[in-house]
Amino acid sequence: MSILRIAEDARLKEGASRIDRVLVRVGRATGVMTDSLRFSFEYARAEFPAATGAELLVEETPVGGRCAKCAASFTVEERFVFKCPLCGSEDFSITSGNELDVLELEVN
């Protein structure tokens, strides 16, 4: 619903009559399942008449981190990281993969 509210606000601001496409970036560490997001988006479109034909495009980003012990940066495809994949240290920080952003909107 929040994604569609953002799109609806942009549509109104632009004076457009419909929402055609929404591109979102979803980080794997968010726990958001992209299939569930697509299903929910399709269901929620009914609440926004200007979005009934809108398409949702999803760009997934992997989890990235930086290890405090070995100073290496890493990227993994897993949703959860419990230790540095290079040295095994548990002293690391997540640098990417927590995103949930609306990147682009196409309205007409």
N, C-alpha and C. Protein backbone atom coordinates (compact mmCIF):
# COMPACT_ATOMS: atom_id res chain seq x y z
N MET A 1 0.82 -1.19 0.00
CA MET A 1 0.00 0.00 0.00
C MET A 1 0.87 1.25 0.00
N SER A 2 1.96 1.23 0.74
CA SER A 2 2.83 2.40 0.81
C SER A 2 3.44 2.73 -0.55
N ILE A 3 3.82 1.71 -1.28
CA ILE A 3 4.38 1.93 -2.62
C ILE A 3 3.34 2.59 -3.50
N LEU A 4 2.12 2.11 -3.44
CA LEU A 4 1.06 2.70 -4.26
C LEU A 4 0.70 4.11 -3.80
N ARG A 5 0.79 4.37 -2.52
CA ARG A 5 0.54 5.74 -2.03
C ARG A 5 1.60 6.71 -2.57
N ILE A 6 2.84 6.27 -2.58
CA ILE A 6 3.91 7.09 -3.14
C ILE A 6 3.65 7.36 -4.62
N ALA A 7 3.26 6.31 -5.35
CA ALA A 7 2.97 6.45 -6.78
C ALA A 7 1.77 7.36 -7.00
N GLU A 8 0.75 7.22 -6.17
CA GLU A 8 -0.45 8.05 -6.30
C GLU A 8 -0.12 9.51 -6.02
N ASP A 9 0.69 9.78 -5.02
CA ASP A 9 1.10 11.16 -4.73
C ASP A 9 1.85 11.76 -5.92
N ALA A 10 2.73 10.97 -6.53
CA ALA A 10 3.49 11.45 -7.69
C ALA A 10 2.55 11.69 -8.88
N ARG A 11 1.59 10.81 -9.07
CA ARG A 11 0.62 10.97 -10.16
C ARG A 11 -0.15 12.28 -9.99
N LEU A 12 -0.63 12.53 -8.79
CA LEU A 12 -1.39 13.75 -8.54
C LEU A 12 -0.53 15.00 -8.73
N LYS A 13 0.71 14.93 -8.26
CA LYS A 13 1.63 16.05 -8.39
C LYS A 13 1.90 16.39 -9.85
N GLU A 14 2.00 15.35 -10.68
CA GLU A 14 2.27 15.53 -12.11
C GLU A 14 1.01 15.84 -12.91
N GLY A 15 -0.15 15.68 -12.29
CA GLY A 15 -1.40 15.89 -13.01
C GLY A 15 -1.70 14.79 -14.01
N ALA A 16 -1.15 13.60 -13.77
CA ALA A 16 -1.35 12.46 -14.67
C ALA A 16 -2.64 11.74 -14.33
N SER A 17 -3.12 10.95 -15.27
CA SER A 17 -4.39 10.25 -15.05
C SER A 17 -4.21 8.80 -14.61
N ARG A 18 -3.02 8.24 -14.84
CA ARG A 18 -2.82 6.84 -14.43
C ARG A 18 -1.37 6.56 -14.07
N ILE A 19 -1.21 5.49 -13.32
CA ILE A 19 0.11 4.98 -12.95
C ILE A 19 0.38 3.77 -13.84
N ASP A 20 1.45 3.80 -14.61
CA ASP A 20 1.74 2.70 -15.52
C ASP A 20 2.76 1.71 -14.97
N ARG A 21 3.80 2.23 -14.32
CA ARG A 21 4.88 1.35 -13.90
C ARG A 21 5.55 1.91 -12.65
N VAL A 22 5.93 0.99 -11.76
CA VAL A 22 6.66 1.35 -10.54
C VAL A 22 7.87 0.42 -10.44
N LEU A 23 9.04 1.01 -10.31
CA LEU A 23 10.27 0.24 -10.13
C LEU A 23 10.74 0.42 -8.70
N VAL A 24 10.91 -0.68 -7.99
CA VAL A 24 11.39 -0.63 -6.61
C VAL A 24 12.67 -1.43 -6.47
N ARG A 25 13.50 -1.00 -5.52
CA ARG A 25 14.72 -1.75 -5.16
C ARG A 25 14.45 -2.40 -3.82
N VAL A 26 14.66 -3.70 -3.76
CA VAL A 26 14.43 -4.46 -2.52
C VAL A 26 15.72 -5.17 -2.16
N GLY A 27 16.26 -4.84 -1.01
CA GLY A 27 17.45 -5.52 -0.53
C GLY A 27 17.09 -6.88 0.04
N ARG A 28 17.95 -7.84 -0.18
CA ARG A 28 17.67 -9.21 0.27
C ARG A 28 17.60 -9.30 1.79
N ALA A 29 18.27 -8.41 2.50
CA ALA A 29 18.27 -8.46 3.97
C ALA A 29 16.98 -7.91 4.57
N THR A 30 16.12 -7.31 3.76
CA THR A 30 14.86 -6.77 4.30
C THR A 30 13.91 -7.87 4.72
N GLY A 31 14.08 -9.04 4.15
CA GLY A 31 13.15 -10.13 4.44
C GLY A 31 11.91 -10.08 3.56
N VAL A 32 11.84 -9.10 2.68
CA VAL A 32 10.69 -8.98 1.78
C VAL A 32 10.82 -10.03 0.69
N MET A 33 9.79 -10.84 0.55
CA MET A 33 9.76 -11.85 -0.51
C MET A 33 9.18 -11.19 -1.75
N THR A 34 9.93 -11.16 -2.84
CA THR A 34 9.50 -10.42 -4.02
C THR A 34 8.20 -10.97 -4.62
N ASP A 35 8.00 -12.27 -4.58
CA ASP A 35 6.75 -12.83 -5.10
C ASP A 35 5.56 -12.36 -4.26
N SER A 36 5.73 -12.31 -2.97
CA SER A 36 4.67 -11.82 -2.09
C SER A 36 4.43 -10.33 -2.31
N LEU A 37 5.49 -9.57 -2.53
CA LEU A 37 5.36 -8.15 -2.81
C LEU A 37 4.57 -7.93 -4.10
N ARG A 38 4.89 -8.69 -5.14
CA ARG A 38 4.16 -8.58 -6.41
C ARG A 38 2.68 -8.93 -6.23
N PHE A 39 2.41 -10.00 -5.51
CA PHE A 39 1.03 -10.42 -5.26
C PHE A 39 0.27 -9.33 -4.49
N SER A 40 0.89 -8.81 -3.45
CA SER A 40 0.26 -7.76 -2.64
C SER A 40 0.01 -6.50 -3.45
N PHE A 41 0.97 -6.15 -4.30
CA PHE A 41 0.83 -4.98 -5.15
C PHE A 41 -0.36 -5.14 -6.08
N GLU A 42 -0.47 -6.31 -6.70
CA GLU A 42 -1.60 -6.56 -7.61
C GLU A 42 -2.93 -6.48 -6.87
N TYR A 43 -2.97 -7.01 -5.69
CA TYR A 43 -4.20 -6.97 -4.88
C TYR A 43 -4.53 -5.54 -4.45
N ALA A 44 -3.52 -4.79 -4.03
CA ALA A 44 -3.73 -3.43 -3.51
C ALA A 44 -4.08 -2.43 -4.60
N ARG A 45 -3.77 -2.75 -5.85
CA ARG A 45 -4.10 -1.82 -6.95
C ARG A 45 -5.58 -1.48 -6.98
N ALA A 46 -6.44 -2.37 -6.52
CA ALA A 46 -7.88 -2.12 -6.52
C ALA A 46 -8.26 -0.91 -5.68
N GLU A 47 -7.42 -0.56 -4.70
CA GLU A 47 -7.68 0.60 -3.84
C GLU A 47 -7.32 1.93 -4.52
N PHE A 48 -6.62 1.85 -5.64
CA PHE A 48 -6.15 3.03 -6.35
C PHE A 48 -6.59 2.93 -7.81
N PRO A 49 -7.73 3.50 -8.15
CA PRO A 49 -8.27 3.38 -9.51
C PRO A 49 -7.28 3.76 -10.61
N ALA A 50 -6.40 4.71 -10.36
CA ALA A 50 -5.43 5.12 -11.37
C ALA A 50 -4.31 4.10 -11.55
N ALA A 51 -4.26 3.10 -10.67
CA ALA A 51 -3.18 2.11 -10.72
C ALA A 51 -3.65 0.72 -11.13
N THR A 52 -4.88 0.59 -11.60
CA THR A 52 -5.42 -0.75 -11.87
C THR A 52 -4.59 -1.53 -12.88
N GLY A 53 -3.94 -0.85 -13.80
CA GLY A 53 -3.10 -1.55 -14.78
C GLY A 53 -1.62 -1.40 -14.53
N ALA A 54 -1.25 -0.87 -13.36
CA ALA A 54 0.17 -0.60 -13.07
C ALA A 54 0.97 -1.89 -12.97
N GLU A 55 2.18 -1.80 -13.45
CA GLU A 55 3.13 -2.92 -13.40
C GLU A 55 4.18 -2.63 -12.33
N LEU A 56 4.52 -3.65 -11.55
CA LEU A 56 5.56 -3.52 -10.54
C LEU A 56 6.80 -4.24 -11.03
N LEU A 57 7.89 -3.51 -11.09
CA LEU A 57 9.19 -4.08 -11.43
C LEU A 57 10.04 -4.07 -10.16
N VAL A 58 10.73 -5.17 -9.90
CA VAL A 58 11.51 -5.30 -8.68
C VAL A 58 12.97 -5.55 -9.02
N GLU A 59 13.83 -4.72 -8.45
CA GLU A 59 15.28 -4.89 -8.58
C GLU A 59 15.79 -5.34 -7.23
N GLU A 60 16.32 -6.54 -7.15
CA GLU A 60 16.84 -7.05 -5.87
C GLU A 60 18.32 -6.72 -5.73
N THR A 61 18.72 -6.35 -4.52
CA THR A 61 20.13 -6.11 -4.24
C THR A 61 20.62 -7.12 -3.22
N PRO A 62 21.82 -7.63 -3.41
CA PRO A 62 22.36 -8.61 -2.47
C PRO A 62 22.77 -7.95 -1.16
N VAL A 63 23.05 -8.78 -0.20
CA VAL A 63 23.55 -8.30 1.09
C VAL A 63 25.04 -8.04 0.96
N GLY A 64 25.45 -6.85 1.38
CA GLY A 64 26.86 -6.50 1.36
C GLY A 64 27.30 -6.11 2.76
N GLY A 65 28.56 -6.30 3.03
CA GLY A 65 29.06 -5.97 4.35
C GLY A 65 30.53 -5.63 4.34
N ARG A 66 31.00 -5.20 5.50
CA ARG A 66 32.42 -4.90 5.69
C ARG A 66 32.83 -5.50 7.03
N CYS A 67 33.88 -6.30 6.97
CA CYS A 67 34.37 -6.99 8.16
C CYS A 67 35.34 -6.09 8.94
N ALA A 68 35.11 -6.01 10.23
CA ALA A 68 36.00 -5.21 11.09
C ALA A 68 37.32 -5.93 11.34
N LYS A 69 37.33 -7.26 11.29
CA LYS A 69 38.55 -8.02 11.59
C LYS A 69 39.50 -8.06 10.39
N CYS A 70 38.99 -8.48 9.23
CA CYS A 70 39.89 -8.62 8.07
C CYS A 70 39.82 -7.42 7.13
N ALA A 71 38.93 -6.47 7.41
CA ALA A 71 38.78 -5.23 6.64
C ALA A 71 38.31 -5.46 5.20
N ALA A 72 37.79 -6.62 4.93
CA ALA A 72 37.32 -6.93 3.58
C ALA A 72 35.86 -6.53 3.42
N SER A 73 35.53 -6.15 2.22
CA SER A 73 34.13 -5.94 1.85
C SER A 73 33.65 -7.22 1.18
N PHE A 74 32.40 -7.54 1.39
CA PHE A 74 31.87 -8.77 0.80
C PHE A 74 30.42 -8.57 0.36
N THR A 75 30.01 -9.45 -0.53
CA THR A 75 28.64 -9.51 -1.01
C THR A 75 28.23 -10.98 -1.02
N VAL A 76 27.04 -11.25 -0.51
CA VAL A 76 26.54 -12.62 -0.49
C VAL A 76 25.10 -12.64 -1.02
N GLU A 77 24.68 -13.77 -1.51
CA GLU A 77 23.32 -13.91 -2.03
C GLU A 77 22.32 -14.32 -0.96
N GLU A 78 22.81 -14.79 0.18
CA GLU A 78 21.92 -15.21 1.26
C GLU A 78 21.17 -14.00 1.82
N ARG A 79 20.04 -14.25 2.45
CA ARG A 79 19.26 -13.18 3.06
C ARG A 79 19.83 -12.76 4.42
N PHE A 80 20.49 -13.68 5.08
CA PHE A 80 21.00 -13.41 6.42
C PHE A 80 22.49 -13.72 6.46
N VAL A 81 23.23 -12.86 7.15
CA VAL A 81 24.67 -13.04 7.30
C VAL A 81 24.97 -13.08 8.79
N PHE A 82 25.64 -14.13 9.22
CA PHE A 82 25.96 -14.28 10.64
C PHE A 82 27.45 -14.14 10.92
N LYS A 83 28.25 -14.23 9.85
CA LYS A 83 29.70 -14.07 10.01
C LYS A 83 30.30 -13.67 8.67
N CYS A 84 31.47 -13.11 8.72
CA CYS A 84 32.19 -12.73 7.51
C CYS A 84 32.44 -13.99 6.68
N PRO A 85 32.04 -14.00 5.41
CA PRO A 85 32.26 -15.20 4.60
C PRO A 85 33.72 -15.43 4.24
N LEU A 86 34.58 -14.44 4.52
CA LEU A 86 35.99 -14.58 4.18
C LEU A 86 36.84 -15.07 5.34
N CYS A 87 36.60 -14.52 6.55
CA CYS A 87 37.45 -14.91 7.68
C CYS A 87 36.66 -15.57 8.83
N GLY A 88 35.33 -15.52 8.76
CA GLY A 88 34.52 -16.15 9.79
C GLY A 88 34.23 -15.28 11.01
N SER A 89 34.73 -14.06 11.03
CA SER A 89 34.49 -13.16 12.16
C SER A 89 33.02 -12.76 12.24
N GLU A 90 32.55 -12.59 13.46
CA GLU A 90 31.19 -12.11 13.67
C GLU A 90 31.16 -10.60 13.86
N ASP A 91 32.30 -9.95 13.71
CA ASP A 91 32.42 -8.50 13.88
C ASP A 91 32.41 -7.84 12.49
N PHE A 92 31.22 -7.57 11.98
CA PHE A 92 31.07 -6.96 10.67
C PHE A 92 29.84 -6.05 10.69
N SER A 93 29.74 -5.23 9.67
CA SER A 93 28.56 -4.38 9.52
C SER A 93 27.95 -4.59 8.14
N ILE A 94 26.65 -4.50 8.08
CA ILE A 94 25.93 -4.62 6.82
C ILE A 94 25.97 -3.25 6.13
N THR A 95 26.38 -3.23 4.86
CA THR A 95 26.48 -1.98 4.12
C THR A 95 25.43 -1.86 3.02
N SER A 96 24.84 -2.96 2.63
CA SER A 96 23.78 -2.92 1.62
C SER A 96 22.90 -4.16 1.78
N GLY A 97 21.72 -4.05 1.21
CA GLY A 97 20.77 -5.16 1.29
C GLY A 97 19.58 -4.85 2.16
N ASN A 98 19.58 -3.67 2.80
CA ASN A 98 18.45 -3.26 3.65
C ASN A 98 17.52 -2.28 2.93
N GLU A 99 17.75 -2.06 1.65
CA GLU A 99 16.99 -1.07 0.92
C GLU A 99 15.56 -1.55 0.62
N LEU A 100 14.67 -0.60 0.64
CA LEU A 100 13.31 -0.79 0.11
C LEU A 100 12.91 0.59 -0.40
N ASP A 101 13.24 0.84 -1.67
CA ASP A 101 13.11 2.18 -2.25
C ASP A 101 12.29 2.16 -3.53
N VAL A 102 11.50 3.18 -3.73
CA VAL A 102 10.87 3.40 -5.03
C VAL A 102 11.89 4.15 -5.86
N LEU A 103 12.33 3.54 -6.96
CA LEU A 103 13.37 4.15 -7.80
C LEU A 103 12.78 5.00 -8.92
N GLU A 104 11.75 4.46 -9.57
CA GLU A 104 11.18 5.15 -10.72
C GLU A 104 9.68 4.94 -10.75
N LEU A 105 9.01 5.94 -11.27
CA LEU A 105 7.57 5.87 -11.48
C LEU A 105 7.29 6.32 -12.91
N GLU A 106 6.41 5.61 -13.57
CA GLU A 106 5.95 6.04 -14.89
C GLU A 106 4.46 6.32 -14.77
N VAL A 107 4.10 7.58 -14.98
CA VAL A 107 2.71 8.01 -14.92
C VAL A 107 2.35 8.70 -16.23
N ASN A 108 1.10 8.63 -16.60
CA ASN A 108 0.63 9.30 -17.83
C ASN A 108 -0.70 9.98 -17.56
